[in-house]
Amino acid sequence: MPFLLKPPSLLFVENVVGFEVCQLGLTHKTNFVTQEFILSPLQFGIPYSRPRYFCLAKRKPYSFVNEIWNRQLIQSPRPYEHFDTAFIEDDLSQEDRHKLLQSCQSIESFLELKNPSNNIEAEYATLGKGDDNVCDSLQQYYVPLSLVERWGSAMDVVYPDSKRCCCFTKCDYRYVKGTGSLLATVQPKKRDEASLKEQCLRYFTPREVANIHSFPEDFKFPDYISLKQRYALLGNSLSIAVVAPLLQYLFRQSVVIFGLIDMIHSLAADIFESCHCLLQFLQ
C-alpha cells in the first residue's frame, strides 16, 4: 500500500480469524484509518457459526461514523442491529450467549423442505426440486451408513429446530469429518440416546447452503457447474447477512466530512471564479 501512486479511498478485507495479527501496511503514513471486526452470522440472526475477520479502512479525509472504533479490533459476541450506534464491548455471560442463539432463526427456515417429517419417502419426493434440476432425487444427499458407523462420533448433527450449524467448507459432500453439519431427517424422541443410524443423516443441499449464506432466492448456478463444484464454491463463500451491513457502514460517510468537502468545493469554485475575473481584467 505505501508504494501505490494512487491508493484507493476505501478498503474492505475479509479473512479467517487469526489474520488480524498480519500487518496490512495501513499505517499513519498511508493516511488510512482502520476499524477491525470479528463477526459471525449468529450475531445477525442466522443460525450459522462462521466467525470471520473483517478490516474496514478509509483514507483521509474520509472518516467513519463511529470514530470510537478507529484502530480497534471489535469482537463482542453481541447481536448487531446496525453499525451507526457505538456500543461498549464486553464479554457476555453464558446466559446471554444462550439468548443470542435463541434470537436466531431455526434451521427449518432455510430448508427446501419447509415441513420436515419422519417420512423419508415424503422428503425424498419433495426435496431437491429447486436445486436447478441437477438431480432427480435426494438419494445422493444421504450419508451412507458405513460413514455414519465410522465417523459418527466426529459428526455435528443438527435438527430442523436447531438454532446453529457448523461452518460449511469446500470439502462438504466429499467428507463428513471436519466439515459442515449434517441434518437429521428423522427426529428421535430422545436425541441424546438415539442412534445416528436411525436418524437418516443427510448433507444440506447446495440451495440450502446458499440460503444459510443469505443468497437471494433467484440465485442459481449455471448448469455446467457440477454438484461437487457447487459445494466447493459455497464453502468458500461469504455470508451476505454479515457483509452487506458492513459495506453499508463502510460507504456511509460522516456528516461532518461531507460538510467539509462541500465547503472546500464551494471555496475552490469561488477562488476559480475570482481568478478568472482577475485574468479578464488584466487582459
C-alpha atoms as a PDB file:
ATOM      1  CA  MET A   1       0.000   0.000   0.000  1.00  0.00           C
ATOM      2  CA  PRO A   2       2.741   2.574   0.778  1.00  0.00           C
ATOM      3  CA  PHE A   3       4.125   2.107  -2.759  1.00  0.00           C
ATOM      4  CA  LEU A   4       0.890   2.791  -4.648  1.00  0.00           C
ATOM      5  CA  LEU A   5       0.847   6.055  -6.589  1.00  0.00           C
ATOM      6  CA  LYS A   6      -2.958   6.236  -6.343  1.00  0.00           C
ATOM      7  CA  PRO A   7      -4.124   4.258  -3.283  1.00  0.00           C
ATOM      8  CA  PRO A   8      -7.862   3.557  -3.010  1.00  0.00           C
ATOM      9  CA  SER A   9     -10.066   5.657  -0.777  1.00  0.00           C
ATOM     10  CA  LEU A  10     -11.850   2.667   0.761  1.00  0.00           C
ATOM     11  CA  LEU A  11     -10.724  -0.875   1.584  1.00  0.00           C
ATOM     12  CA  PHE A  12     -12.636  -3.992   2.644  1.00  0.00           C
ATOM     13  CA  VAL A  13     -10.708  -7.083   3.745  1.00  0.00           C
ATOM     14  CA  GLU A  14     -12.131 -10.459   4.846  1.00  0.00           C
ATOM     15  CA  ASN A  15     -10.224 -13.485   6.066  1.00  0.00           C
ATOM     16  CA  VAL A  16     -10.203 -16.256   8.659  1.00  0.00           C
ATOM     17  CA  VAL A  17      -9.872 -15.459  12.347  1.00  0.00           C
ATOM     18  CA  GLY A  18      -6.173 -15.149  13.115  1.00  0.00           C
ATOM     19  CA  PHE A  19      -5.458 -12.983  10.092  1.00  0.00           C
ATOM     20  CA  GLU A  20      -5.828  -9.940  12.360  1.00  0.00           C
ATOM     21  CA  VAL A  21      -2.228 -10.396  13.511  1.00  0.00           C
ATOM     22  CA  CYS A  22      -0.966  -9.733   9.978  1.00  0.00           C
ATOM     23  CA  GLN A  23       0.281  -6.291   9.028  1.00  0.00           C
ATOM     24  CA  LEU A  24      -1.691  -4.786   6.143  1.00  0.00           C
ATOM     25  CA  GLY A  25       0.569  -1.765   5.822  1.00  0.00           C
ATOM     26  CA  LEU A  26      -2.272   0.636   6.672  1.00  0.00           C
ATOM     27  CA  THR A  27      -0.324   2.981   8.953  1.00  0.00           C
ATOM     28  CA  HIS A  28      -0.500   6.673   9.762  1.00  0.00           C
ATOM     29  CA  LYS A  29       1.944   7.298   6.930  1.00  0.00           C
ATOM     30  CA  THR A  30      -0.568   5.998   4.382  1.00  0.00           C
ATOM     31  CA  ASN A  31      -3.329   8.230   5.806  1.00  0.00           C
ATOM     32  CA  PHE A  32      -5.608   5.225   6.347  1.00  0.00           C
ATOM     33  CA  VAL A  33      -7.884   4.829   9.358  1.00  0.00           C
ATOM     34  CA  THR A  34      -8.936   1.262  10.107  1.00  0.00           C
ATOM     35  CA  GLN A  35     -11.696  -0.483  12.040  1.00  0.00           C
ATOM     36  CA  GLU A  36     -11.491  -4.242  12.559  1.00  0.00           C
ATOM     37  CA  PHE A  37     -14.210  -6.716  13.483  1.00  0.00           C
ATOM     38  CA  ILE A  38     -14.600 -10.417  14.189  1.00  0.00           C
ATOM     39  CA  LEU A  39     -18.201 -11.246  13.354  1.00  0.00           C
ATOM     40  CA  SER A  40     -20.385 -14.303  12.889  1.00  0.00           C
ATOM     41  CA  PRO A  41     -23.766 -14.700  11.138  1.00  0.00           C
ATOM     42  CA  LEU A  42     -25.145 -15.720  14.544  1.00  0.00           C
ATOM     43  CA  GLN A  43     -24.981 -12.043  15.514  1.00  0.00           C
ATOM     44  CA  PHE A  44     -27.300 -11.233  12.606  1.00  0.00           C
ATOM     45  CA  GLY A  45     -29.966 -13.824  13.394  1.00  0.00           C
ATOM     46  CA  ILE A  46     -28.611 -16.528  11.051  1.00  0.00           C
ATOM     47  CA  PRO A  47     -28.122 -19.993  12.634  1.00  0.00           C
ATOM     48  CA  TYR A  48     -24.644 -20.305  11.186  1.00  0.00           C
ATOM     49  CA  SER A  49     -21.451 -20.345  13.220  1.00  0.00           C
ATOM     50  CA  ARG A  50     -18.888 -18.815  10.854  1.00  0.00           C
ATOM     51  CA  PRO A  51     -16.705 -16.205  12.636  1.00  0.00           C
ATOM     52  CA  ARG A  52     -14.616 -14.163  10.211  1.00  0.00           C
ATOM     53  CA  TYR A  53     -12.171 -11.282  10.442  1.00  0.00           C
ATOM     54  CA  PHE A  54     -13.070  -8.038   8.658  1.00  0.00           C
ATOM     55  CA  CYS A  55     -10.939  -4.949   8.210  1.00  0.00           C
ATOM     56  CA  LEU A  56     -12.518  -1.703   7.007  1.00  0.00           C
ATOM     57  CA  ALA A  57     -10.251   1.173   6.030  1.00  0.00           C
ATOM     58  CA  LYS A  58     -10.752   4.746   4.829  1.00  0.00           C
ATOM     59  CA  ARG A  59      -8.143   7.155   3.547  1.00  0.00           C
ATOM     60  CA  LYS A  60      -8.302  10.663   4.903  1.00  0.00           C
ATOM     61  CA  PRO A  61     -10.156  12.997   4.621  1.00  0.00           C
ATOM     62  CA  TYR A  62     -12.853  10.298   4.717  1.00  0.00           C
ATOM     63  CA  SER A  63     -13.844   9.106   8.175  1.00  0.00           C
ATOM     64  CA  PHE A  64     -16.076   6.548   9.899  1.00  0.00           C
ATOM     65  CA  VAL A  65     -19.364   7.453  11.518  1.00  0.00           C
ATOM     66  CA  ASN A  66     -18.242   5.845  14.778  1.00  0.00           C
ATOM     67  CA  GLU A  67     -14.692   7.067  15.229  1.00  0.00           C
ATOM     68  CA  ILE A  68     -14.587   5.457  18.680  1.00  0.00           C
ATOM     69  CA  TRP A  69     -13.820   2.174  16.882  1.00  0.00           C
ATOM     70  CA  ASN A  70     -10.825   3.583  14.991  1.00  0.00           C
ATOM     71  CA  ARG A  71      -7.744   1.335  15.089  1.00  0.00           C
ATOM     72  CA  GLN A  72      -9.516  -1.202  17.292  1.00  0.00           C
ATOM     73  CA  LEU A  73     -10.430  -4.852  16.968  1.00  0.00           C
ATOM     74  CA  ILE A  74     -14.086  -5.295  17.938  1.00  0.00           C
ATOM     75  CA  GLN A  75     -15.046  -8.877  18.746  1.00  0.00           C
ATOM     76  CA  SER A  76     -18.006  -8.611  21.068  1.00  0.00           C
ATOM     77  CA  PRO A  77     -20.451 -11.509  20.621  1.00  0.00           C
ATOM     78  CA  ARG A  78     -23.419  -9.167  20.963  1.00  0.00           C
ATOM     79  CA  PRO A  79     -26.138  -9.106  18.275  1.00  0.00           C
ATOM     80  CA  TYR A  80     -25.603  -6.387  15.669  1.00  0.00           C
ATOM     81  CA  GLU A  81     -28.650  -4.435  14.573  1.00  0.00           C
ATOM     82  CA  HIS A  82     -26.662  -1.707  12.814  1.00  0.00           C
ATOM     83  CA  PHE A  83     -23.239  -0.099  12.952  1.00  0.00           C
ATOM     84  CA  ASP A  84     -24.330   3.517  13.301  1.00  0.00           C
ATOM     85  CA  THR A  85     -24.602   3.345  17.074  1.00  0.00           C
ATOM     86  CA  ALA A  86     -21.498   2.642  19.104  1.00  0.00           C
ATOM     87  CA  PHE A  87     -21.663   0.179  21.972  1.00  0.00           C
ATOM     88  CA  ILE A  88     -19.474  -0.868  24.848  1.00  0.00           C
ATOM     89  CA  GLU A  89     -17.619  -4.080  24.103  1.00  0.00           C
ATOM     90  CA  ASP A  90     -17.806  -6.650  26.864  1.00  0.00           C
ATOM     91  CA  ASP A  91     -17.985 -10.369  27.447  1.00  0.00           C
ATOM     92  CA  LEU A  92     -21.379 -11.965  27.553  1.00  0.00           C
ATOM     93  CA  SER A  93     -22.387 -14.402  30.236  1.00  0.00           C
ATOM     94  CA  GLN A  94     -23.359 -17.953  29.350  1.00  0.00           C
ATOM     95  CA  GLU A  95     -26.989 -16.953  29.715  1.00  0.00           C
ATOM     96  CA  ASP A  96     -26.551 -14.068  27.296  1.00  0.00           C
ATOM     97  CA  ARG A  97     -24.841 -16.345  24.787  1.00  0.00           C
ATOM     98  CA  HIS A  98     -27.809 -18.698  25.034  1.00  0.00           C
ATOM     99  CA  LYS A  99     -30.128 -15.755  24.345  1.00  0.00           C
ATOM    100  CA  LEU A 100     -28.018 -14.901  21.304  1.00  0.00           C
ATOM    101  CA  LEU A 101     -28.593 -18.372  19.868  1.00  0.00           C
ATOM    102  CA  GLN A 102     -32.285 -18.247  20.683  1.00  0.00           C
ATOM    103  CA  SER A 103     -32.573 -14.972  18.763  1.00  0.00           C
ATOM    104  CA  CYS A 104     -31.508 -16.804  15.585  1.00  0.00           C
ATOM    105  CA  GLN A 105     -33.939 -18.334  13.146  1.00  0.00           C
ATOM    106  CA  SER A 106     -34.295 -22.103  13.136  1.00  0.00           C
ATOM    107  CA  ILE A 107     -32.594 -24.306  10.566  1.00  0.00           C
ATOM    108  CA  GLU A 108     -36.000 -25.245   9.201  1.00  0.00           C
ATOM    109  CA  SER A 109     -36.426 -21.727   7.773  1.00  0.00           C
ATOM    110  CA  PHE A 110     -33.538 -22.381   5.370  1.00  0.00           C
ATOM    111  CA  LEU A 111     -34.509 -25.860   4.166  1.00  0.00           C
ATOM    112  CA  GLU A 112     -36.004 -26.638   0.794  1.00  0.00           C
ATOM    113  CA  LEU A 113     -38.473 -28.890   2.590  1.00  0.00           C
ATOM    114  CA  LYS A 114     -40.267 -26.448   4.902  1.00  0.00           C
ATOM    115  CA  ASN A 115     -42.105 -29.033   6.980  1.00  0.00           C
ATOM    116  CA  PRO A 116     -39.769 -31.976   7.636  1.00  0.00           C
ATOM    117  CA  SER A 117     -41.405 -35.146   8.795  1.00  0.00           C
ATOM    118  CA  ASN A 118     -40.318 -38.582   9.849  1.00  0.00           C
ATOM    119  CA  ASN A 119     -41.440 -39.905   6.479  1.00  0.00           C
ATOM    120  CA  ILE A 120     -38.266 -40.325   4.457  1.00  0.00           C
ATOM    121  CA  GLU A 121     -40.179 -41.113   1.278  1.00  0.00           C
ATOM    122  CA  ALA A 122     -42.022 -37.784   1.534  1.00  0.00           C
ATOM    123  CA  GLU A 123     -38.753 -35.897   1.901  1.00  0.00           C
ATOM    124  CA  TYR A 124     -37.224 -37.923  -0.906  1.00  0.00           C
ATOM    125  CA  ALA A 125     -40.019 -36.884  -3.239  1.00  0.00           C
ATOM    126  CA  THR A 126     -40.258 -33.238  -2.175  1.00  0.00           C
ATOM    127  CA  LEU A 127     -36.731 -32.010  -1.516  1.00  0.00           C
ATOM    128  CA  GLY A 128     -34.277 -31.342  -4.299  1.00  0.00           C
ATOM    129  CA  LYS A 129     -36.671 -29.982  -6.938  1.00  0.00           C
ATOM    130  CA  GLY A 130     -35.353 -26.443  -6.513  1.00  0.00           C
ATOM    131  CA  ASP A 131     -31.709 -27.388  -6.973  1.00  0.00           C
ATOM    132  CA  ASP A 132     -31.532 -26.327 -10.641  1.00  0.00           C
ATOM    133  CA  ASN A 133     -32.694 -29.775 -11.749  1.00  0.00           C
ATOM    134  CA  VAL A 134     -29.217 -31.163 -11.084  1.00  0.00           C
ATOM    135  CA  CYS A 135     -30.598 -34.300  -9.535  1.00  0.00           C
ATOM    136  CA  ASP A 136     -33.858 -36.217  -9.756  1.00  0.00           C
ATOM    137  CA  SER A 137     -33.849 -37.334  -6.147  1.00  0.00           C
ATOM    138  CA  LEU A 138     -32.315 -36.793  -2.740  1.00  0.00           C
ATOM    139  CA  GLN A 139     -30.694 -40.168  -2.527  1.00  0.00           C
ATOM    140  CA  GLN A 140     -27.243 -38.731  -3.230  1.00  0.00           C
ATOM    141  CA  TYR A 141     -27.524 -36.370  -0.239  1.00  0.00           C
ATOM    142  CA  TYR A 142     -27.952 -39.111   2.360  1.00  0.00           C
ATOM    143  CA  VAL A 143     -24.843 -40.159   4.275  1.00  0.00           C
ATOM    144  CA  PRO A 144     -24.030 -43.859   3.775  1.00  0.00           C
ATOM    145  CA  LEU A 145     -24.411 -45.964   6.924  1.00  0.00           C
ATOM    146  CA  SER A 146     -20.791 -47.095   6.574  1.00  0.00           C
ATOM    147  CA  LEU A 147     -19.618 -43.492   7.058  1.00  0.00           C
ATOM    148  CA  VAL A 148     -22.021 -42.996   9.959  1.00  0.00           C
ATOM    149  CA  GLU A 149     -20.642 -46.070  11.691  1.00  0.00           C
ATOM    150  CA  ARG A 150     -17.045 -44.999  11.133  1.00  0.00           C
ATOM    151  CA  TRP A 151     -17.189 -41.244  11.727  1.00  0.00           C
ATOM    152  CA  GLY A 152     -20.403 -40.792  13.683  1.00  0.00           C
ATOM    153  CA  SER A 153     -18.609 -39.564  16.805  1.00  0.00           C
ATOM    154  CA  ALA A 154     -16.944 -36.781  14.768  1.00  0.00           C
ATOM    155  CA  MET A 155     -20.128 -35.585  13.050  1.00  0.00           C
ATOM    156  CA  ASP A 156     -22.003 -32.454  14.027  1.00  0.00           C
ATOM    157  CA  VAL A 157     -25.680 -33.308  13.762  1.00  0.00           C
ATOM    158  CA  VAL A 158     -28.401 -30.663  13.734  1.00  0.00           C
ATOM    159  CA  TYR A 159     -32.181 -30.783  13.569  1.00  0.00           C
ATOM    160  CA  PRO A 160     -34.785 -28.589  11.862  1.00  0.00           C
ATOM    161  CA  ASP A 161     -35.422 -26.732  15.124  1.00  0.00           C
ATOM    162  CA  SER A 162     -31.701 -26.172  15.820  1.00  0.00           C
ATOM    163  CA  LYS A 163     -30.512 -22.587  16.125  1.00  0.00           C
ATOM    164  CA  ARG A 164     -26.979 -23.072  14.801  1.00  0.00           C
ATOM    165  CA  CYS A 165     -24.923 -25.204  12.470  1.00  0.00           C
ATOM    166  CA  CYS A 166     -21.199 -25.504  11.846  1.00  0.00           C
ATOM    167  CA  CYS A 167     -19.288 -23.682   9.150  1.00  0.00           C
ATOM    168  CA  PHE A 168     -19.573 -25.219   5.690  1.00  0.00           C
ATOM    169  CA  THR A 169     -16.316 -25.786   3.826  1.00  0.00           C
ATOM    170  CA  LYS A 170     -15.239 -26.577   0.279  1.00  0.00           C
ATOM    171  CA  CYS A 171     -14.919 -30.221   1.392  1.00  0.00           C
ATOM    172  CA  ASP A 172     -18.619 -30.617   2.140  1.00  0.00           C
ATOM    173  CA  TYR A 173     -20.324 -33.535   0.433  1.00  0.00           C
ATOM    174  CA  ARG A 174     -16.920 -35.195  -0.137  1.00  0.00           C
ATOM    175  CA  TYR A 175     -16.143 -35.692   3.550  1.00  0.00           C
ATOM    176  CA  VAL A 176     -18.134 -35.931   6.778  1.00  0.00           C
ATOM    177  CA  LYS A 177     -15.347 -35.256   9.280  1.00  0.00           C
ATOM    178  CA  GLY A 178     -14.274 -31.678   9.964  1.00  0.00           C
ATOM    179  CA  THR A 179     -16.837 -30.177   7.596  1.00  0.00           C
ATOM    180  CA  GLY A 180     -20.271 -28.609   7.976  1.00  0.00           C
ATOM    181  CA  SER A 181     -23.171 -30.000   9.969  1.00  0.00           C
ATOM    182  CA  LEU A 182     -25.364 -32.885   8.867  1.00  0.00           C
ATOM    183  CA  LEU A 183     -29.148 -32.772   9.071  1.00  0.00           C
ATOM    184  CA  ALA A 184     -31.160 -35.452  10.850  1.00  0.00           C
ATOM    185  CA  THR A 185     -34.227 -36.152   8.712  1.00  0.00           C
ATOM    186  CA  VAL A 186     -35.811 -38.441  11.297  1.00  0.00           C
ATOM    187  CA  GLN A 187     -36.115 -36.825  14.706  1.00  0.00           C
ATOM    188  CA  PRO A 188     -35.823 -39.214  17.650  1.00  0.00           C
ATOM    189  CA  LYS A 189     -37.810 -38.751  20.836  1.00  0.00           C
ATOM    190  CA  LYS A 190     -34.613 -38.591  22.878  1.00  0.00           C
ATOM    191  CA  ARG A 191     -31.763 -37.166  20.814  1.00  0.00           C
ATOM    192  CA  ASP A 192     -29.012 -37.929  23.304  1.00  0.00           C
ATOM    193  CA  GLU A 193     -29.899 -41.590  23.414  1.00  0.00           C
ATOM    194  CA  ALA A 194     -30.838 -42.230  19.790  1.00  0.00           C
ATOM    195  CA  SER A 195     -28.540 -43.944  17.328  1.00  0.00           C
ATOM    196  CA  LEU A 196     -27.296 -41.793  14.460  1.00  0.00           C
ATOM    197  CA  LYS A 197     -28.069 -44.603  12.039  1.00  0.00           C
ATOM    198  CA  GLU A 198     -31.763 -44.263  12.901  1.00  0.00           C
ATOM    199  CA  GLN A 199     -31.828 -40.536  12.164  1.00  0.00           C
ATOM    200  CA  CYS A 200     -31.136 -40.823   8.415  1.00  0.00           C
ATOM    201  CA  LEU A 201     -28.469 -38.136   8.194  1.00  0.00           C
ATOM    202  CA  ARG A 202     -28.025 -36.152   5.023  1.00  0.00           C
ATOM    203  CA  TYR A 203     -25.957 -33.279   3.713  1.00  0.00           C
ATOM    204  CA  PHE A 204     -27.511 -29.870   3.297  1.00  0.00           C
ATOM    205  CA  THR A 205     -28.289 -29.345  -0.378  1.00  0.00           C
ATOM    206  CA  PRO A 206     -26.444 -26.591  -2.297  1.00  0.00           C
ATOM    207  CA  ARG A 207     -29.626 -24.496  -2.316  1.00  0.00           C
ATOM    208  CA  GLU A 208     -29.900 -24.839   1.460  1.00  0.00           C
ATOM    209  CA  VAL A 209     -26.249 -23.855   1.938  1.00  0.00           C
ATOM    210  CA  ALA A 210     -26.888 -20.833  -0.282  1.00  0.00           C
ATOM    211  CA  ASN A 211     -29.933 -19.972   1.837  1.00  0.00           C
ATOM    212  CA  ILE A 212     -27.847 -20.084   5.020  1.00  0.00           C
ATOM    213  CA  HIS A 213     -25.313 -17.817   3.310  1.00  0.00           C
ATOM    214  CA  SER A 214     -28.280 -15.430   2.749  1.00  0.00           C
ATOM    215  CA  PHE A 215     -28.068 -15.674  -1.040  1.00  0.00           C
ATOM    216  CA  PRO A 216     -31.170 -14.318  -2.843  1.00  0.00           C
ATOM    217  CA  GLU A 217     -33.891 -16.761  -3.840  1.00  0.00           C
ATOM    218  CA  ASP A 218     -33.271 -16.226  -7.544  1.00  0.00           C
ATOM    219  CA  PHE A 219     -29.607 -17.194  -7.270  1.00  0.00           C
ATOM    220  CA  LYS A 220     -28.735 -20.167  -9.475  1.00  0.00           C
ATOM    221  CA  PHE A 221     -25.596 -21.921 -10.620  1.00  0.00           C
ATOM    222  CA  PRO A 222     -25.028 -22.456 -14.349  1.00  0.00           C
ATOM    223  CA  ASP A 223     -25.925 -25.973 -15.429  1.00  0.00           C
ATOM    224  CA  TYR A 224     -22.328 -26.854 -16.263  1.00  0.00           C
ATOM    225  CA  ILE A 225     -21.226 -26.416 -12.601  1.00  0.00           C
ATOM    226  CA  SER A 226     -21.119 -29.882 -11.054  1.00  0.00           C
ATOM    227  CA  LEU A 227     -22.546 -30.732  -7.660  1.00  0.00           C
ATOM    228  CA  LYS A 228     -19.100 -31.012  -6.042  1.00  0.00           C
ATOM    229  CA  GLN A 229     -18.052 -27.695  -7.582  1.00  0.00           C
ATOM    230  CA  ARG A 230     -21.148 -26.038  -6.142  1.00  0.00           C
ATOM    231  CA  TYR A 231     -20.296 -27.252  -2.667  1.00  0.00           C
ATOM    232  CA  ALA A 232     -16.713 -26.055  -3.076  1.00  0.00           C
ATOM    233  CA  LEU A 233     -17.770 -22.594  -4.254  1.00  0.00           C
ATOM    234  CA  LEU A 234     -20.351 -22.217  -1.490  1.00  0.00           C
ATOM    235  CA  GLY A 235     -17.893 -23.424   1.129  1.00  0.00           C
ATOM    236  CA  ASN A 236     -15.511 -20.609   0.194  1.00  0.00           C
ATOM    237  CA  SER A 237     -18.252 -18.023   0.003  1.00  0.00           C
ATOM    238  CA  LEU A 238     -19.152 -15.062   2.217  1.00  0.00           C
ATOM    239  CA  SER A 239     -22.169 -14.537   4.437  1.00  0.00           C
ATOM    240  CA  ILE A 240     -24.241 -11.802   2.834  1.00  0.00           C
ATOM    241  CA  ALA A 241     -26.004 -11.188   6.151  1.00  0.00           C
ATOM    242  CA  VAL A 242     -22.668 -10.015   7.589  1.00  0.00           C
ATOM    243  CA  VAL A 243     -21.002  -8.415   4.563  1.00  0.00           C
ATOM    244  CA  ALA A 244     -23.972  -6.306   3.417  1.00  0.00           C
ATOM    245  CA  PRO A 245     -24.322  -4.168   6.595  1.00  0.00           C
ATOM    246  CA  LEU A 246     -20.534  -3.867   6.838  1.00  0.00           C
ATOM    247  CA  LEU A 247     -20.327  -2.485   3.301  1.00  0.00           C
ATOM    248  CA  GLN A 248     -23.199  -0.107   4.004  1.00  0.00           C
ATOM    249  CA  TYR A 249     -21.335   1.122   7.057  1.00  0.00           C
ATOM    250  CA  LEU A 250     -18.083   1.453   5.092  1.00  0.00           C
ATOM    251  CA  PHE A 251     -19.701   3.599   2.403  1.00  0.00           C
ATOM    252  CA  ARG A 252     -21.581   5.737   4.897  1.00  0.00           C
ATOM    253  CA  GLN A 253     -19.705   8.994   5.417  1.00  0.00           C
ATOM    254  CA  SER A 254     -19.628  11.311   8.371  1.00  0.00           C
ATOM    255  CA  VAL A 255     -21.911  14.330   8.012  1.00  0.00           C
ATOM    256  CA  VAL A 256     -19.023  16.479   9.186  1.00  0.00           C
ATOM    257  CA  ILE A 257     -16.801  15.220   6.397  1.00  0.00           C
ATOM    258  CA  PHE A 258     -19.490  15.762   3.799  1.00  0.00           C
ATOM    259  CA  GLY A 259     -19.965  19.293   5.066  1.00  0.00           C
ATOM    260  CA  LEU A 260     -16.230  19.934   4.968  1.00  0.00           C
ATOM    261  CA  ILE A 261     -15.923  18.606   1.430  1.00  0.00           C
ATOM    262  CA  ASP A 262     -18.861  20.720   0.266  1.00  0.00           C
ATOM    263  CA  MET A 263     -17.268  23.756   1.876  1.00  0.00           C
ATOM    264  CA  ILE A 264     -13.944  23.043   0.156  1.00  0.00           C
ATOM    265  CA  HIS A 265     -15.654  22.603  -3.206  1.00  0.00           C
ATOM    266  CA  SER A 266     -17.557  25.856  -2.752  1.00  0.00           C
ATOM    267  CA  LEU A 267     -14.416  27.706  -1.698  1.00  0.00           C
ATOM    268  CA  ALA A 268     -12.481  26.289  -4.655  1.00  0.00           C
ATOM    269  CA  ALA A 269     -15.231  27.417  -7.028  1.00  0.00           C
ATOM    270  CA  ASP A 270     -15.147  30.928  -5.558  1.00  0.00           C
ATOM    271  CA  ILE A 271     -11.377  31.093  -5.908  1.00  0.00           C
ATOM    272  CA  PHE A 272     -11.547  29.875  -9.506  1.00  0.00           C
ATOM    273  CA  GLU A 273     -14.202  32.463 -10.347  1.00  0.00           C
ATOM    274  CA  SER A 274     -12.176  35.234  -8.734  1.00  0.00           C
ATOM    275  CA  CYS A 275      -9.030  34.224 -10.628  1.00  0.00           C
ATOM    276  CA  HIS A 276     -10.987  34.079 -13.873  1.00  0.00           C
ATOM    277  CA  CYS A 277     -12.360  37.572 -13.340  1.00  0.00           C
ATOM    278  CA  LEU A 278      -8.897  38.890 -12.431  1.00  0.00           C
ATOM    279  CA  LEU A 279      -7.403  37.425 -15.615  1.00  0.00           C
ATOM    280  CA  GLN A 280     -10.123  39.043 -17.710  1.00  0.00           C
ATOM    281  CA  PHE A 281      -9.478  42.381 -16.015  1.00  0.00           C
ATOM    282  CA  LEU A 282      -5.710  42.169 -16.636  1.00  0.00           C
ATOM    283  CA  GLN A 283      -6.264  41.332 -20.285  1.00  0.00           C
END
